[in-house]
Amino acid sequence: MLTLNILANTKSREALCTSCVHAVANKGFKGEQLTFCNYGELRELKFAVCECTVYCDKNAPKPNKTIGFVTPGEAARPKLTVIKIA
């Protein structure tokens, strides 16, 4: 007989909100904690969240963005030189 023990979130037992972009978390000196979700509208969370459909990790690397009118291959293109032949 095969027995499997599966633990949810074995890596960390803290709430997702601690590392979410949309969270506003406040901790007091005596261990009190207030957590608000700022996705859409600001609302208070009355429990520790372990799964969320709008979770966005604030420690994830940011994607590269192009600002202006430069196409992705334009920077790598060689410059053309015009030579007059007489």
Protein backbone atom coordinates (compact mmCIF):
# COMPACT_ATOMS: atom_id res chain seq x y z
CA MET A 1 0.00 0.00 0.00
CA LEU A 2 1.30 3.45 -0.99
CA THR A 3 0.69 6.39 1.34
CA LEU A 4 1.28 9.97 0.20
CA ASN A 5 1.35 12.93 2.52
CA ILE A 6 0.78 16.16 0.63
CA LEU A 7 1.23 19.50 2.35
CA ALA A 8 -0.12 22.66 0.77
CA ASN A 9 2.33 25.54 0.49
CA THR A 10 5.24 23.65 2.08
CA LYS A 11 7.70 26.38 1.16
CA SER A 12 6.13 29.10 3.28
CA ARG A 13 3.19 29.33 5.67
CA GLU A 14 2.79 33.11 5.45
CA ALA A 15 -0.01 34.86 3.59
CA LEU A 16 0.36 35.64 -0.11
CA CYS A 17 -0.38 39.28 0.62
CA THR A 18 3.06 39.81 2.15
CA SER A 19 4.65 39.60 -1.32
CA CYS A 20 1.78 40.90 -3.50
CA VAL A 21 1.86 44.16 -5.48
CA HIS A 22 -1.78 44.92 -4.64
CA ALA A 23 -1.44 44.48 -0.85
CA VAL A 24 -1.21 47.15 1.80
CA ALA A 25 -0.02 45.43 4.99
CA ASN A 26 0.55 47.08 8.37
CA LYS A 27 2.04 45.40 11.45
CA GLY A 28 1.89 46.74 14.98
CA PHE A 29 4.37 46.52 17.84
CA LYS A 30 2.34 43.86 19.67
CA GLY A 31 1.85 41.60 16.65
CA GLU A 32 -1.35 43.19 15.37
CA GLN A 33 -1.75 43.15 11.62
CA LEU A 34 -4.04 44.95 9.17
CA THR A 35 -4.06 43.86 5.55
CA PHE A 36 -5.89 45.55 2.69
CA CYS A 37 -6.18 44.52 -0.95
CA ASN A 38 -5.89 47.41 -3.39
CA TYR A 39 -6.95 45.49 -6.53
CA GLY A 40 -9.88 47.40 -8.00
CA GLU A 41 -10.96 49.06 -4.76
CA LEU A 42 -9.38 49.09 -1.31
CA ARG A 43 -10.91 46.41 0.94
CA GLU A 44 -9.84 44.92 4.25
CA LEU A 45 -8.90 41.24 4.42
CA LYS A 46 -9.98 39.59 7.66
CA PHE A 47 -7.96 36.38 7.17
CA ALA A 48 -4.59 35.21 5.85
CA VAL A 49 -4.86 34.48 2.11
CA CYS A 50 -3.24 31.31 0.72
CA GLU A 51 -4.64 31.46 -2.87
CA CYS A 52 -5.61 34.48 -4.95
CA THR A 53 -6.62 34.88 -8.60
CA VAL A 54 -5.14 38.40 -8.90
CA TYR A 55 -1.87 37.71 -7.06
CA CYS A 56 1.09 39.52 -8.61
CA ASP A 57 4.52 38.91 -7.06
CA LYS A 58 6.25 42.22 -6.30
CA ASN A 59 9.65 40.48 -6.29
CA ALA A 60 9.28 39.10 -9.84
CA PRO A 61 11.59 40.60 -12.49
CA LYS A 62 10.04 43.41 -14.53
CA PRO A 63 9.61 42.84 -18.28
CA ASN A 64 11.74 44.94 -20.62
CA LYS A 65 9.80 47.80 -22.15
CA THR A 66 10.59 49.82 -25.25
CA ILE A 67 9.95 53.52 -24.93
CA GLY A 68 9.60 55.53 -28.11
CA PHE A 69 9.41 54.43 -31.73
CA VAL A 70 12.31 51.98 -31.82
CA THR A 71 11.49 48.57 -33.25
CA PRO A 72 13.17 45.56 -31.61
CA GLY A 73 15.59 44.95 -34.51
CA GLU A 74 16.34 48.59 -35.27
CA ALA A 75 19.09 49.00 -32.70
CA ALA A 76 20.97 45.99 -34.10
CA ARG A 77 20.77 47.09 -37.77
CA PRO A 78 24.01 48.39 -39.29
CA LYS A 79 24.06 52.00 -40.51
CA LEU A 80 24.05 52.45 -44.27
CA THR A 81 26.72 54.60 -45.91
CA VAL A 82 26.14 56.28 -49.23
CA ILE A 83 29.14 56.32 -51.59
CA LYS A 84 29.06 58.53 -54.70
CA ILE A 85 30.67 57.05 -57.75
CA ALA A 86 31.78 59.64 -60.30
